[in-house]
Protein backbone atom coordinates (compact mmCIF):
# COMPACT_ATOMS: atom_id res chain seq x y z
CA MET A 1 40.35 103.11 2.20
CA THR A 2 40.91 99.61 3.61
CA GLU A 3 43.90 97.83 2.06
CA LEU A 4 43.08 95.12 -0.49
CA PHE A 5 44.99 91.89 0.12
CA LYS A 6 45.59 90.34 -3.29
CA ASN A 7 46.00 86.86 -4.70
CA LEU A 8 49.48 85.62 -5.62
CA ILE A 9 49.72 84.28 -9.18
CA ASP A 10 53.03 83.50 -10.89
CA GLY A 11 54.97 85.64 -8.44
CA GLU A 12 52.73 88.70 -8.79
CA TRP A 13 50.09 90.08 -6.43
CA VAL A 14 46.85 90.28 -8.41
CA GLY A 15 43.80 92.27 -7.33
CA GLY A 16 40.12 91.96 -8.07
CA GLU A 17 36.80 92.09 -6.28
CA GLY A 18 37.37 92.33 -2.55
CA VAL A 19 35.32 90.91 0.34
CA GLU A 20 35.49 92.01 3.96
CA ASN A 21 36.89 89.57 6.53
CA VAL A 22 34.90 90.26 9.74
CA ASN A 23 35.85 89.49 13.34
CA PRO A 24 33.25 87.07 14.86
CA SER A 25 33.96 88.55 18.32
CA ASN A 26 33.15 92.08 17.12
CA LEU A 27 31.17 92.46 13.91
CA LYS A 28 32.27 96.10 13.61
CA ASP A 29 35.91 95.04 13.33
CA VAL A 30 36.97 94.40 9.73
CA VAL A 31 40.17 92.35 9.69
CA GLY A 32 40.83 93.27 6.05
CA VAL A 33 39.48 93.14 2.52
CA TYR A 34 40.64 90.09 0.57
CA ALA A 35 40.48 89.63 -3.18
CA ARG A 36 38.38 86.86 -4.66
CA ALA A 37 39.90 84.97 -7.55
CA THR A 38 37.97 84.25 -10.75
CA VAL A 39 37.97 81.11 -12.88
CA GLU A 40 40.55 82.79 -15.14
CA ASP A 41 42.75 83.71 -12.15
CA THR A 42 42.68 80.12 -10.95
CA GLN A 43 43.54 78.75 -14.38
CA ARG A 44 46.49 81.16 -14.60
CA ALA A 45 47.68 80.02 -11.17
CA ILE A 46 47.55 76.37 -12.21
CA ALA A 47 49.41 77.16 -15.44
CA ALA A 48 52.08 79.05 -13.47
CA ALA A 49 52.55 76.12 -11.08
CA LYS A 50 52.86 73.73 -14.02
CA ALA A 51 55.47 75.93 -15.69
CA ALA A 52 57.47 76.27 -12.48
CA PHE A 53 57.48 72.55 -11.68
CA PRO A 54 60.41 71.30 -13.83
CA ALA A 55 62.93 73.70 -12.27
CA TRP A 56 61.62 73.52 -8.70
CA SER A 57 61.36 69.71 -8.73
CA ARG A 58 65.09 69.58 -9.50
CA SER A 59 66.12 72.38 -7.16
CA GLY A 60 68.82 71.77 -4.59
CA ILE A 61 67.93 70.55 -1.14
CA LEU A 62 69.82 73.44 0.48
CA GLU A 63 67.63 75.93 -1.40
CA ARG A 64 64.43 74.27 -0.19
CA HIS A 65 65.83 73.95 3.34
CA ALA A 66 66.79 77.62 3.49
CA ILE A 67 63.38 78.87 2.32
CA LEU A 68 61.43 76.65 4.70
CA ARG A 69 63.73 77.45 7.62
CA LYS A 70 63.54 81.20 6.97
CA THR A 71 59.75 80.90 6.87
CA ALA A 72 59.70 79.02 10.18
CA ASP A 73 61.90 81.64 11.82
CA GLU A 74 59.69 84.55 10.72
CA ILE A 75 56.47 82.81 11.77
CA LEU A 76 57.84 82.11 15.24
CA ALA A 77 59.27 85.62 15.58
CA ARG A 78 55.82 87.06 14.77
CA LYS A 79 53.73 84.56 16.75
CA GLN A 80 52.06 87.23 18.92
CA GLU A 81 51.08 89.37 15.92
CA LEU A 82 49.95 86.43 13.79
CA GLY A 83 48.16 84.85 16.75
CA GLU A 84 46.12 88.03 17.19
CA LEU A 85 45.32 88.05 13.47
CA LEU A 86 44.15 84.43 13.63
CA SER A 87 42.03 85.05 16.73
CA ARG A 88 40.41 88.10 15.14
CA GLU A 89 39.40 86.31 11.94
CA GLU A 90 38.47 82.85 13.29
CA GLY A 91 37.51 83.42 16.93
CA LYS A 92 39.96 81.20 18.79
CA THR A 93 41.10 82.62 22.12
CA LEU A 94 44.41 84.44 21.91
CA PRO A 95 46.40 81.67 23.68
CA GLU A 96 44.93 79.17 21.22
CA GLY A 97 45.74 81.49 18.31
CA ILE A 98 49.35 81.95 19.41
CA GLY A 99 49.61 78.21 20.00
CA GLU A 100 48.42 77.46 16.49
CA VAL A 101 50.89 79.93 14.97
CA THR A 102 53.68 78.33 16.99
CA ARG A 103 52.67 74.96 15.63
CA ALA A 104 52.79 76.33 12.09
CA GLY A 105 56.34 77.55 12.67
CA GLN A 106 57.33 74.15 14.06
CA ILE A 107 55.86 72.43 11.01
CA PHE A 108 57.94 74.53 8.62
CA ASP A 109 61.01 73.93 10.79
CA PHE A 110 60.40 70.17 10.70
CA PHE A 111 60.09 70.06 6.91
CA ALA A 112 63.12 72.30 6.51
CA GLY A 113 64.98 69.45 8.18
CA GLU A 114 63.22 66.84 6.07
CA ALA A 115 64.51 68.55 2.93
CA LEU A 116 68.01 67.54 4.05
CA ARG A 117 66.94 63.99 4.92
CA LEU A 118 65.52 62.92 1.56
CA SER A 119 66.48 59.29 1.15
CA GLY A 120 66.00 56.14 -0.87
CA GLU A 121 67.16 52.53 -0.93
CA VAL A 122 69.81 50.57 -2.82
CA LEU A 123 69.06 46.85 -2.96
CA PRO A 124 70.56 43.85 -4.73
CA SER A 125 68.44 42.33 -7.48
CA VAL A 126 67.56 38.66 -7.54
CA ARG A 127 69.43 38.67 -10.86
CA PRO A 128 73.23 38.58 -10.66
CA GLY A 129 74.97 41.73 -11.82
CA VAL A 130 71.88 43.95 -11.49
CA GLY A 131 71.38 46.69 -8.91
CA VAL A 132 68.10 48.23 -7.75
CA GLU A 133 67.52 51.82 -6.61
CA ILE A 134 64.27 52.96 -4.99
CA THR A 135 63.80 56.73 -4.93
CA ARG A 136 61.04 59.26 -4.38
CA GLU A 137 60.14 62.06 -6.77
CA PRO A 138 57.69 64.97 -6.51
CA VAL A 139 54.17 64.47 -7.84
CA GLY A 140 53.73 67.76 -9.74
CA VAL A 141 51.14 70.50 -9.25
CA ILE A 142 49.39 70.09 -5.90
CA GLY A 143 46.02 71.71 -5.24
CA LEU A 144 45.41 72.48 -1.58
CA ILE A 145 41.92 73.23 -0.24
CA THR A 146 41.89 74.14 3.44
CA PRO A 147 39.15 74.74 6.07
CA TRP A 148 38.34 77.67 8.33
CA ASN A 149 38.86 76.08 11.75
CA PHE A 150 42.68 75.93 11.68
CA PRO A 151 43.50 78.78 9.29
CA ILE A 152 47.28 78.70 9.74
CA ALA A 153 48.15 75.18 10.97
CA ILE A 154 46.37 73.18 8.26
CA PRO A 155 47.67 75.29 5.34
CA SER A 156 51.14 74.92 6.88
CA TRP A 157 51.01 71.16 7.20
CA LYS A 158 50.03 70.93 3.54
CA ILE A 159 52.25 73.65 2.02
CA ALA A 160 55.45 72.72 3.89
CA PRO A 161 55.72 69.07 2.78
CA ALA A 162 54.52 69.89 -0.73
CA LEU A 163 57.40 72.33 -1.18
CA CYS A 164 59.88 70.22 0.76
CA TYR A 165 59.49 67.32 -1.66
CA GLY A 166 59.72 69.50 -4.77
CA ASN A 167 56.09 70.04 -5.77
CA THR A 168 54.51 73.31 -6.86
CA VAL A 169 51.34 74.53 -5.18
CA VAL A 170 48.01 76.23 -5.80
CA ILE A 171 46.24 76.87 -2.49
CA LYS A 172 42.65 77.93 -1.85
CA PRO A 173 41.99 78.79 1.80
CA ALA A 174 38.49 78.82 3.23
CA ASP A 175 36.63 81.90 2.02
CA LEU A 176 35.78 82.74 5.62
CA VAL A 177 39.39 83.04 6.88
CA PRO A 178 41.87 84.12 4.17
CA ALA A 179 44.08 86.36 6.33
CA SER A 180 46.22 83.72 8.04
CA THR A 181 46.97 81.86 4.81
CA TRP A 182 47.73 85.16 3.06
CA ALA A 183 50.30 85.90 5.79
CA ILE A 184 52.03 82.53 5.31
CA VAL A 185 52.16 82.91 1.55
CA ASP A 186 53.59 86.42 1.91
CA ILE A 187 56.32 85.11 4.23
CA LEU A 188 57.20 82.26 1.87
CA GLN A 189 57.30 84.58 -1.12
CA ARG A 190 59.70 86.94 0.64
CA ALA A 191 61.79 83.97 1.82
CA GLY A 192 62.86 83.44 -1.79
CA LEU A 193 60.45 81.07 -3.52
CA PRO A 194 60.81 81.29 -7.33
CA LYS A 195 57.77 82.67 -9.12
CA GLY A 196 55.00 80.21 -9.82
CA VAL A 197 56.10 77.69 -7.19
CA LEU A 198 53.40 78.82 -4.73
CA ASN A 199 50.16 80.43 -5.89
CA LEU A 200 47.36 81.76 -3.67
CA VAL A 201 43.81 81.96 -5.04
CA MET A 202 41.26 83.11 -2.47
CA GLY A 203 37.55 82.94 -3.04
CA LYS A 204 34.48 80.76 -3.28
CA GLY A 205 34.73 77.02 -3.46
CA SER A 206 32.15 76.97 -6.24
CA VAL A 207 34.50 79.10 -8.36
CA VAL A 208 38.10 78.52 -7.28
CA GLY A 209 37.76 75.02 -5.86
CA GLN A 210 35.65 73.79 -8.75
CA THR A 211 38.16 75.12 -11.29
CA MET A 212 40.92 73.24 -9.49
CA LEU A 213 38.87 70.05 -9.50
CA GLU A 214 38.15 70.32 -13.22
CA SER A 215 41.74 70.99 -14.28
CA PRO A 216 43.69 68.03 -15.68
CA ASP A 217 46.89 69.95 -14.89
CA VAL A 218 46.38 69.54 -11.12
CA ASP A 219 48.22 66.29 -10.38
CA ALA A 220 47.04 65.86 -6.78
CA ILE A 221 44.60 67.48 -4.36
CA SER A 222 44.80 67.52 -0.58
CA PHE A 223 41.47 68.52 0.96
CA THR A 224 40.31 69.14 4.52
CA GLY A 225 36.65 69.98 5.07
CA SER A 226 33.15 68.56 5.03
CA VAL A 227 32.21 65.01 4.08
CA GLY A 228 30.00 66.18 1.22
CA THR A 229 32.69 68.31 -0.40
CA GLY A 230 35.26 65.59 0.18
CA ARG A 231 33.16 63.16 -1.83
CA ARG A 232 32.99 65.66 -4.70
CA VAL A 233 36.78 66.00 -4.58
CA ALA A 234 37.09 62.23 -4.83
CA GLU A 235 34.64 61.91 -7.72
CA ALA A 236 36.29 64.68 -9.73
CA SER A 237 39.78 63.30 -9.06
CA VAL A 238 38.89 59.78 -10.15
CA LYS A 239 37.66 61.16 -13.49
CA VAL A 240 41.07 62.65 -14.31
CA GLY A 241 43.17 60.01 -12.55
CA ARG A 242 44.79 62.27 -9.96
CA LYS A 243 45.96 61.48 -6.44
CA TYR A 244 43.72 62.79 -3.69
CA GLN A 245 43.85 62.98 0.07
CA LEU A 246 40.77 63.69 2.21
CA GLU A 247 40.42 64.72 5.85
CA MET A 248 36.75 65.12 6.70
CA GLY A 249 34.40 64.72 9.65
CA GLY A 250 34.50 63.19 13.08
CA LYS A 251 32.10 62.11 15.82
CA ASN A 252 34.77 61.31 18.34
CA PRO A 253 34.04 59.40 21.56
CA THR A 254 35.59 59.80 24.98
CA VAL A 255 35.03 56.83 27.28
CA VAL A 256 35.09 57.49 31.03
CA LEU A 257 35.40 54.35 33.17
CA ASP A 258 34.49 53.85 36.82
CA ASP A 259 38.17 53.84 37.85
CA ALA A 260 38.95 57.18 36.17
CA ASP A 261 40.41 60.10 38.08
CA LEU A 262 37.37 62.41 38.21
CA LYS A 263 39.33 65.66 37.81
CA VAL A 264 41.30 64.28 34.87
CA ALA A 265 38.08 63.05 33.24
CA VAL A 266 36.23 66.34 33.62
CA GLU A 267 39.07 68.48 32.32
CA SER A 268 39.84 66.11 29.45
CA VAL A 269 36.22 66.12 28.28
CA ALA A 270 35.78 69.88 28.77
CA GLN A 271 38.84 70.60 26.66
CA SER A 272 37.95 67.98 24.03
CA ALA A 273 34.34 69.06 23.64
CA PHE A 274 34.31 72.81 24.20
CA PHE A 275 37.69 74.49 23.71
CA SER A 276 38.24 76.15 20.32
CA THR A 277 34.43 76.51 20.58
CA GLY A 278 34.14 72.82 19.68
CA GLN A 279 35.15 73.68 16.12
CA ARG A 280 37.72 70.91 15.70
CA CYS A 281 37.39 67.71 13.70
CA THR A 282 39.02 65.95 16.66
CA ALA A 283 36.60 67.39 19.23
CA SER A 284 34.80 64.84 21.40
CA SER A 285 31.03 65.30 21.29
CA ARG A 286 30.10 61.80 22.51
CA VAL A 287 30.97 61.15 26.16
CA ILE A 288 30.42 57.51 27.04
CA VAL A 289 30.36 56.98 30.80
CA THR A 290 30.02 53.80 32.86
CA GLU A 291 27.38 53.57 35.59
CA GLY A 292 29.61 53.67 38.67
CA ILE A 293 31.02 57.14 37.97
CA HIS A 294 28.22 58.54 35.79
CA ASP A 295 26.34 60.72 38.28
CA ARG A 296 29.45 62.19 39.93
CA PHE A 297 31.02 62.86 36.56
CA VAL A 298 27.91 64.52 35.09
CA GLU A 299 27.53 66.78 38.13
CA ALA A 300 31.17 67.89 37.98
CA LEU A 301 31.19 68.36 34.18
CA ALA A 302 27.95 70.34 34.26
CA GLU A 303 29.45 72.68 36.86
CA ARG A 304 32.59 73.08 34.75
CA THR A 305 30.49 73.75 31.64
CA ARG A 306 28.36 76.43 33.31
CA GLY A 307 31.51 78.16 34.55
CA LEU A 308 33.27 78.39 31.19
CA ARG A 309 33.90 82.05 30.39
CA VAL A 310 32.61 82.93 26.92
CA GLY A 311 33.70 86.18 25.30
CA ASP A 312 35.90 88.16 22.94
CA ALA A 313 38.75 86.00 21.66
CA LEU A 314 41.31 88.69 22.56
CA ASP A 315 40.09 89.11 26.16
CA LYS A 316 42.59 87.47 28.53
CA ASN A 317 39.75 86.16 30.70
CA THR A 318 37.98 84.35 27.86
CA GLU A 319 38.08 80.55 27.78
CA ILE A 320 35.65 80.04 24.89
CA GLY A 321 35.58 82.40 21.91
CA PRO A 322 32.71 83.02 19.51
CA VAL A 323 31.26 80.66 16.95
CA VAL A 324 32.86 81.47 13.59
CA ASP A 325 29.84 82.86 11.68
CA PRO A 326 26.01 83.05 11.63
CA SER A 327 25.49 79.86 9.63
CA GLN A 328 27.59 77.81 12.05
CA LEU A 329 25.81 79.44 15.00
CA LYS A 330 22.45 78.44 13.52
CA GLN A 331 23.69 74.89 13.00
CA ASP A 332 24.76 74.69 16.66
CA THR A 333 21.49 76.07 18.03
CA ASP A 334 19.46 73.87 15.68
CA TYR A 335 21.20 70.79 17.05
CA ILE A 336 20.61 71.94 20.63
CA GLU A 337 16.91 72.10 19.82
CA ILE A 338 17.05 68.73 18.05
CA GLY A 339 18.68 67.13 21.11
CA GLN A 340 15.89 68.33 23.35
CA GLN A 341 13.25 67.14 20.89
CA GLU A 342 14.91 63.71 20.78
CA GLY A 343 14.60 63.37 24.55
CA ALA A 344 18.10 64.23 25.75
CA LYS A 345 18.28 66.45 28.84
CA LEU A 346 20.06 69.81 28.51
CA VAL A 347 21.78 70.20 31.90
CA ALA A 348 24.10 73.11 31.17
CA GLY A 349 24.53 75.93 28.66
CA GLY A 350 23.13 76.12 25.18
CA GLU A 351 22.06 79.77 25.33
CA ARG A 352 23.28 82.83 23.43
CA VAL A 353 25.59 85.07 25.47
CA SER A 354 25.44 88.88 25.36
CA LYS A 355 28.74 90.77 25.56
CA ASP A 356 29.90 94.36 25.13
CA THR A 357 30.52 93.72 21.44
CA ASP A 358 28.17 92.20 18.88
CA GLY A 359 29.47 88.69 18.22
CA TYR A 360 28.43 85.06 17.77
CA PHE A 361 28.69 83.99 21.41
CA LEU A 362 27.21 80.70 22.65
CA GLN A 363 27.50 79.05 26.06
CA PRO A 364 28.71 75.44 25.57
CA ALA A 365 25.88 72.92 25.84
CA LEU A 366 25.93 69.65 27.79
CA PHE A 367 23.29 66.95 27.30
CA THR A 368 22.69 63.88 29.46
CA GLU A 369 20.35 60.90 29.02
CA ALA A 370 21.41 60.66 25.39
CA THR A 371 21.53 57.47 23.35
CA ASN A 372 23.86 56.63 20.52
CA SER A 373 20.95 56.53 18.08
CA MET A 374 20.11 60.23 18.52
CA ARG A 375 21.14 62.69 15.82
CA ILE A 376 23.23 64.65 18.33
CA ALA A 377 25.25 61.44 18.81
CA ARG A 378 25.43 60.45 15.13
CA GLU A 379 25.99 63.67 13.17
CA GLU A 380 28.92 66.07 13.36
CA ILE A 381 27.74 69.34 14.92
CA PHE A 382 31.09 71.15 14.80
CA GLY A 383 30.26 73.32 17.78
CA PRO A 384 30.45 73.35 21.59
CA VAL A 385 27.80 70.66 22.12
CA ALA A 386 28.43 67.37 23.94
CA ALA A 387 26.14 64.46 24.82
CA VAL A 388 26.70 62.03 27.70
CA ILE A 389 25.70 58.41 27.05
CA ARG A 390 25.37 56.06 30.06
CA VAL A 391 26.64 52.49 29.61
CA LYS A 392 26.93 49.45 31.87
CA ASP A 393 30.62 48.53 31.53
CA TYR A 394 33.78 48.79 29.43
CA GLU A 395 32.59 46.26 26.85
CA GLU A 396 29.43 48.25 26.14
CA ALA A 397 31.43 51.49 26.14
CA LEU A 398 33.80 50.16 23.47
CA ALA A 399 30.90 48.95 21.32
CA VAL A 400 29.16 52.34 21.52
CA ALA A 401 32.42 54.19 20.83
CA ASN A 402 32.92 52.19 17.62
CA ASP A 403 29.28 52.51 16.52
CA THR A 404 29.81 55.47 14.19
CA GLU A 405 30.49 56.09 10.52
CA PHE A 406 33.53 58.16 11.51
CA GLY A 407 36.91 57.14 12.87
CA LEU A 408 39.24 60.06 13.46
CA SER A 409 40.02 60.25 17.18
CA ALA A 410 38.91 58.29 20.25
CA GLY A 411 39.75 58.79 23.91
CA ILE A 412 39.54 56.89 27.17
CA VAL A 413 40.00 58.05 30.76
CA THR A 414 41.00 55.20 33.06
CA THR A 415 43.65 54.18 35.57
CA SER A 416 43.53 50.59 34.33
CA LEU A 417 46.45 49.51 32.16
CA LYS A 418 44.35 46.54 31.03
CA TYR A 419 41.52 48.67 29.65
CA ALA A 420 43.83 51.36 28.27
CA THR A 421 45.82 48.75 26.35
CA HIS A 422 42.70 47.01 25.05
CA PHE A 423 41.14 50.31 23.96
CA LYS A 424 44.25 51.41 22.08
CA ARG A 425 44.15 48.17 20.10
CA ASN A 426 40.40 47.95 19.53
CA ALA A 427 39.16 51.53 19.13
CA GLU A 428 38.26 52.02 15.46
CA ALA A 429 40.02 55.35 15.04
CA GLY A 430 43.18 56.67 13.44
CA MET A 431 44.28 58.32 16.70
CA VAL A 432 43.70 57.11 20.26
CA MET A 433 44.16 59.22 23.39
CA VAL A 434 44.54 57.83 26.90
CA ASN A 435 43.93 60.30 29.76
CA VAL A 436 44.47 63.27 27.42
CA PRO A 437 41.95 65.23 25.31
CA THR A 438 40.95 63.83 21.92
CA ALA A 439 41.79 67.21 20.38
CA GLY A 440 45.45 68.17 20.38
CA VAL A 441 48.13 66.42 18.32
CA ASP A 442 51.87 66.76 17.77
CA PHE A 443 53.30 68.25 14.58
CA HIS A 444 55.91 65.55 13.88
CA VAL A 445 53.72 62.44 13.86
CA PRO A 446 51.02 61.22 11.45
CA PHE A 447 47.51 62.69 11.58
CA GLY A 448 44.42 61.06 10.13
CA GLY A 449 41.57 58.64 10.63
CA ARG A 450 39.63 55.81 9.07
CA LYS A 451 36.10 55.00 7.91
CA GLY A 452 34.27 58.18 6.87
CA SER A 453 36.82 60.53 8.43
CA SER A 454 39.80 60.17 6.10
CA PHE A 455 40.97 58.77 2.81
CA GLY A 456 44.50 58.43 1.51
CA PRO A 457 47.92 58.67 3.17
CA ARG A 458 48.35 60.35 6.55
CA GLU A 459 49.26 64.00 6.93
CA GLN A 460 52.15 65.45 8.96
CA GLY A 461 55.52 64.06 9.96
CA ARG A 462 57.50 61.72 7.72
CA TYR A 463 54.29 60.02 6.63
CA ALA A 464 53.51 63.10 4.53
CA GLN A 465 55.92 61.84 1.89
CA GLU A 466 53.48 59.06 1.01
CA PHE A 467 51.14 61.62 -0.56
CA PHE A 468 53.55 64.27 -1.79
CA THR A 469 55.96 61.92 -3.58
CA LEU A 470 55.91 59.11 -6.13
CA VAL A 471 58.07 56.00 -5.78
CA LYS A 472 60.42 55.06 -8.62
CA THR A 473 62.26 51.75 -8.93
CA ALA A 474 65.32 51.72 -11.23
CA TYR A 475 67.34 48.67 -12.34
CA THR A 476 70.95 48.94 -13.55
CA ALA A 477 73.09 46.16 -15.01
CA ALA A 478 76.77 46.31 -14.09
CA GLY A 479 79.42 46.45 -16.81
């Protein structure tokens, strides 16, 4: 019998109907069987978090620090094991899986330190004899809804600050990839969290997520996922007056100028567009290239794309792992067909790849002769598909880069300080990359975008306190 991995509710592991978690590199490999929570399970988890909040919100900073630090230490000590688990359930290559686990450990380590750096302000009032204190307090019960593409990093960068600042948590990981989040929750539980402070409810968004949205006892929700679901989170949250934070889609541009170093440009775009199988909200699927370098760049990138080694995520020779599941694979191949129908030229990849194991393997696809009005240049594909758009000069490149409903990440490859500086100031994105891939961010600085990509305070780093705390201003008269 395969072990059933249970939900955590009020400090107890609770079973129920189990669903197999299958390896997209090898459909015969079952990662585990994970319990699906019911509406009643989710309601109990929310009630447990609410009951645990008064004590945890007033807990000592050394207690929070110790739990978060112990969690960080165990994650980093087990990075090989957890990296393999992540790669088996999501399909990232093993180096990417280990890298993501390492980042999760670093996030918990950072917020362990932040627990000891909680601060406020003491100011004089404009009124004589009155003092002013500005402090931050925890929000309450935080609902966390996380996606499948970063199954350990994103839960970590939501759970760690929530706990650091004294909130209690109910987390629903993506139904497709519960194993990595289960592992984090297990580590935190054994690190000494009091019962009810952290609750794990795995299962369908239509059941677990909807119950969280409908509950007036959930004081804030942090969501990462699709634009459509994000809008539903916003609508439901407005009805009950809760805080909400949304990280959603991206259609990120990389601009390549005539003066760019060709090798740097090709590698930056290849990594941005295709690594992690293109399944990153920061991936660059629009490559905007000026005329002087266009032909040389396209030839070199097409050669690099054709040579990318697609295969089992755990194979040391693999550069690109499988697509995560059949529905995402169909979406990718549908867009490849749409691009051809729209008149773009498929110059590399785009075909299914056969391997020794049955998996969702797809050779990354590169289009040229695309325009910014095509669907492949407007809509988020969330797969290893990139379209090259030819432009006359930097001014046109900047205009095309900004012509999108999204605004998460934007990149430029250039040796010109003038253009790099101008792009950093004028790119309509929350994050700007110069001569580095659009995908790949540090754990200690803010993450987020603008326009249709994000809503609410930034995630990660010290900026996380803007969402996970409330500001209080207190006045005291002397004497």
